Amino acid sequence: MEEADLQLIRKLIPRDEELKRLWDEHLEYEKKLEALGKRRYLSTEEDMKRKELQKLKLKGKDRIEEILRRYRSGK
């Protein structure tokens, strides 16, 4: 994410519970994906989990961006 987005997220988290939840999930998915990425080999189950985490992270990021657009447009 761009620095401007990160600053806006930090500003809005205290007053937007959905954004806070999504951001916390995003960071958790990122941490889990990083741990899986450090492994030399992934089992089939781990690879499926990695793909699922990537999808969840992307879905959450899309929703975060929707929320940020809403705040930027003043709605």
N, C-alpha and C. Protein backbone atom coordinates (compact mmCIF):
# COMPACT_ATOMS: atom_id res chain seq x y z
N MET A 1 0.84 -1.18 0.00
CA MET A 1 0.00 0.00 0.00
C MET A 1 0.88 1.24 0.00
N GLU A 2 0.32 2.27 -0.55
CA GLU A 2 1.06 3.53 -0.60
C GLU A 2 1.07 4.19 0.77
N GLU A 3 2.06 5.03 0.98
CA GLU A 3 2.21 5.69 2.28
C GLU A 3 0.98 6.54 2.62
N ALA A 4 0.41 7.21 1.63
CA ALA A 4 -0.79 8.03 1.87
C ALA A 4 -1.94 7.17 2.37
N ASP A 5 -2.08 5.97 1.80
CA ASP A 5 -3.12 5.04 2.24
C ASP A 5 -2.87 4.60 3.68
N LEU A 6 -1.62 4.28 3.98
CA LEU A 6 -1.27 3.84 5.34
C LEU A 6 -1.55 4.94 6.36
N GLN A 7 -1.24 6.17 6.02
CA GLN A 7 -1.50 7.29 6.93
C GLN A 7 -3.00 7.46 7.17
N LEU A 8 -3.79 7.35 6.09
CA LEU A 8 -5.23 7.47 6.23
C LEU A 8 -5.79 6.32 7.07
N ILE A 9 -5.29 5.12 6.87
CA ILE A 9 -5.73 3.98 7.66
C ILE A 9 -5.45 4.23 9.14
N ARG A 10 -4.24 4.67 9.45
CA ARG A 10 -3.88 4.95 10.86
C ARG A 10 -4.80 6.00 11.46
N LYS A 11 -5.19 6.97 10.66
CA LYS A 11 -6.06 8.05 11.14
C LYS A 11 -7.49 7.55 11.38
N LEU A 12 -7.95 6.65 10.52
CA LEU A 12 -9.34 6.23 10.57
C LEU A 12 -9.62 5.04 11.48
N ILE A 13 -8.61 4.24 11.75
CA ILE A 13 -8.81 3.03 12.55
C ILE A 13 -9.52 3.29 13.89
N PRO A 14 -9.17 4.34 14.62
CA PRO A 14 -9.85 4.53 15.92
C PRO A 14 -11.36 4.76 15.80
N ARG A 15 -11.84 5.21 14.65
CA ARG A 15 -13.27 5.51 14.55
C ARG A 15 -14.03 4.63 13.56
N ASP A 16 -13.35 3.69 12.93
CA ASP A 16 -14.02 2.80 11.98
C ASP A 16 -13.68 1.35 12.34
N GLU A 17 -14.62 0.70 13.01
CA GLU A 17 -14.39 -0.66 13.51
C GLU A 17 -14.18 -1.66 12.38
N GLU A 18 -14.92 -1.52 11.28
CA GLU A 18 -14.74 -2.44 10.16
C GLU A 18 -13.34 -2.30 9.57
N LEU A 19 -12.89 -1.07 9.40
CA LEU A 19 -11.56 -0.84 8.87
C LEU A 19 -10.50 -1.43 9.80
N LYS A 20 -10.68 -1.25 11.09
CA LYS A 20 -9.72 -1.81 12.06
C LYS A 20 -9.66 -3.33 11.94
N ARG A 21 -10.83 -3.97 11.87
CA ARG A 21 -10.89 -5.42 11.76
C ARG A 21 -10.22 -5.89 10.47
N LEU A 22 -10.54 -5.22 9.36
CA LEU A 22 -9.96 -5.60 8.08
C LEU A 22 -8.45 -5.41 8.07
N TRP A 23 -7.98 -4.32 8.66
CA TRP A 23 -6.55 -4.05 8.70
C TRP A 23 -5.82 -5.08 9.56
N ASP A 24 -6.40 -5.42 10.70
CA ASP A 24 -5.80 -6.45 11.56
C ASP A 24 -5.72 -7.79 10.83
N GLU A 25 -6.80 -8.14 10.12
CA GLU A 25 -6.80 -9.38 9.35
C GLU A 25 -5.74 -9.33 8.25
N HIS A 26 -5.65 -8.19 7.57
CA HIS A 26 -4.67 -8.03 6.49
C HIS A 26 -3.25 -8.27 7.01
N LEU A 27 -2.94 -7.70 8.16
CA LEU A 27 -1.60 -7.88 8.74
C LEU A 27 -1.37 -9.33 9.15
N GLU A 28 -2.39 -9.97 9.68
CA GLU A 28 -2.26 -11.37 10.09
C GLU A 28 -2.04 -12.27 8.87
N TYR A 29 -2.81 -12.04 7.80
CA TYR A 29 -2.62 -12.83 6.58
C TYR A 29 -1.22 -12.62 6.02
N GLU A 30 -0.77 -11.38 6.06
CA GLU A 30 0.57 -11.06 5.56
C GLU A 30 1.63 -11.82 6.33
N LYS A 31 1.48 -11.86 7.65
CA LYS A 31 2.44 -12.56 8.51
C LYS A 31 2.44 -14.06 8.21
N LYS A 32 1.26 -14.65 8.05
CA LYS A 32 1.17 -16.08 7.76
C LYS A 32 1.75 -16.40 6.39
N LEU A 33 1.47 -15.53 5.40
CA LEU A 33 2.00 -15.75 4.06
C LEU A 33 3.52 -15.63 4.04
N GLU A 34 4.04 -14.70 4.81
CA GLU A 34 5.49 -14.53 4.90
C GLU A 34 6.13 -15.79 5.49
N ALA A 35 5.51 -16.35 6.51
CA ALA A 35 6.04 -17.57 7.12
C ALA A 35 6.02 -18.73 6.13
N LEU A 36 4.92 -18.85 5.39
CA LEU A 36 4.86 -19.91 4.38
C LEU A 36 5.87 -19.67 3.26
N GLY A 37 6.09 -18.41 2.92
CA GLY A 37 7.03 -18.06 1.86
C GLY A 37 8.47 -18.39 2.20
N LYS A 38 8.78 -18.47 3.47
CA LYS A 38 10.13 -18.79 3.91
C LYS A 38 10.44 -20.28 3.83
N ARG A 39 9.39 -21.07 3.69
CA ARG A 39 9.58 -22.52 3.63
C ARG A 39 10.06 -22.92 2.25
N ARG A 40 10.93 -23.86 2.22
CA ARG A 40 11.50 -24.34 0.96
C ARG A 40 10.51 -25.17 0.18
N TYR A 41 9.72 -25.93 0.91
CA TYR A 41 8.75 -26.81 0.27
C TYR A 41 7.44 -26.72 1.03
N LEU A 42 6.34 -26.69 0.28
CA LEU A 42 5.02 -26.69 0.90
C LEU A 42 4.29 -27.97 0.51
N SER A 43 3.65 -28.56 1.49
CA SER A 43 2.82 -29.72 1.19
C SER A 43 1.62 -29.23 0.38
N THR A 44 0.88 -30.15 -0.16
CA THR A 44 -0.32 -29.78 -0.93
C THR A 44 -1.28 -28.99 -0.05
N GLU A 45 -1.45 -29.43 1.17
CA GLU A 45 -2.35 -28.74 2.11
C GLU A 45 -1.84 -27.33 2.41
N GLU A 46 -0.55 -27.19 2.64
CA GLU A 46 0.03 -25.87 2.92
C GLU A 46 -0.09 -24.95 1.70
N ASP A 47 0.09 -25.51 0.51
CA ASP A 47 -0.04 -24.70 -0.71
C ASP A 47 -1.48 -24.24 -0.88
N MET A 48 -2.44 -25.10 -0.58
CA MET A 48 -3.85 -24.70 -0.64
C MET A 48 -4.14 -23.62 0.39
N LYS A 49 -3.57 -23.76 1.57
CA LYS A 49 -3.75 -22.74 2.62
C LYS A 49 -3.15 -21.41 2.18
N ARG A 50 -1.97 -21.46 1.55
CA ARG A 50 -1.32 -20.25 1.05
C ARG A 50 -2.22 -19.55 0.04
N LYS A 51 -2.78 -20.31 -0.89
CA LYS A 51 -3.66 -19.72 -1.91
C LYS A 51 -4.91 -19.13 -1.29
N GLU A 52 -5.46 -19.82 -0.29
CA GLU A 52 -6.64 -19.30 0.40
C GLU A 52 -6.32 -18.00 1.13
N LEU A 53 -5.17 -17.96 1.80
CA LEU A 53 -4.75 -16.74 2.50
C LEU A 53 -4.56 -15.58 1.51
N GLN A 54 -3.99 -15.88 0.35
CA GLN A 54 -3.81 -14.84 -0.66
C GLN A 54 -5.15 -14.28 -1.12
N LYS A 55 -6.12 -15.16 -1.31
CA LYS A 55 -7.46 -14.72 -1.73
C LYS A 55 -8.12 -13.87 -0.65
N LEU A 56 -8.03 -14.33 0.59
CA LEU A 56 -8.62 -13.58 1.70
C LEU A 56 -7.96 -12.21 1.86
N LYS A 57 -6.65 -12.19 1.73
CA LYS A 57 -5.91 -10.93 1.86
C LYS A 57 -6.33 -9.96 0.76
N LEU A 58 -6.44 -10.45 -0.47
CA LEU A 58 -6.83 -9.61 -1.59
C LEU A 58 -8.26 -9.10 -1.43
N LYS A 59 -9.15 -9.98 -0.99
CA LYS A 59 -10.55 -9.58 -0.76
C LYS A 59 -10.62 -8.47 0.31
N GLY A 60 -9.87 -8.66 1.38
CA GLY A 60 -9.84 -7.65 2.45
C GLY A 60 -9.23 -6.35 1.97
N LYS A 61 -8.18 -6.44 1.18
CA LYS A 61 -7.53 -5.23 0.66
C LYS A 61 -8.48 -4.46 -0.24
N ASP A 62 -9.24 -5.19 -1.05
CA ASP A 62 -10.23 -4.53 -1.91
C ASP A 62 -11.26 -3.78 -1.07
N ARG A 63 -11.72 -4.40 0.01
CA ARG A 63 -12.70 -3.76 0.89
C ARG A 63 -12.08 -2.55 1.59
N ILE A 64 -10.84 -2.67 2.02
CA ILE A 64 -10.15 -1.53 2.64
C ILE A 64 -10.09 -0.37 1.66
N GLU A 65 -9.76 -0.65 0.42
CA GLU A 65 -9.68 0.41 -0.59
C GLU A 65 -11.04 1.04 -0.84
N GLU A 66 -12.11 0.25 -0.79
CA GLU A 66 -13.47 0.80 -0.91
C GLU A 66 -13.75 1.78 0.22
N ILE A 67 -13.41 1.38 1.43
CA ILE A 67 -13.64 2.23 2.60
C ILE A 67 -12.83 3.53 2.46
N LEU A 68 -11.57 3.43 2.05
CA LEU A 68 -10.74 4.62 1.91
C LEU A 68 -11.31 5.55 0.83
N ARG A 69 -11.80 4.98 -0.27
CA ARG A 69 -12.42 5.80 -1.32
C ARG A 69 -13.65 6.54 -0.77
N ARG A 70 -14.42 5.83 0.04
CA ARG A 70 -15.62 6.45 0.64
C ARG A 70 -15.23 7.64 1.50
N TYR A 71 -14.19 7.49 2.31
CA TYR A 71 -13.76 8.60 3.16
C TYR A 71 -13.18 9.74 2.32
N ARG A 72 -12.44 9.41 1.29
CA ARG A 72 -11.86 10.45 0.45
C ARG A 72 -12.92 11.25 -0.29
N SER A 73 -14.02 10.59 -0.65
CA SER A 73 -15.09 11.30 -1.37
C SER A 73 -16.02 12.01 -0.42
N GLY A 74 -15.83 11.81 0.86
CA GLY A 74 -16.62 12.52 1.86
C GLY A 74 -17.98 11.91 2.14
N LYS A 75 -18.17 10.66 1.77
CA LYS A 75 -19.47 10.01 1.98
C LYS A 75 -19.43 9.06 3.13
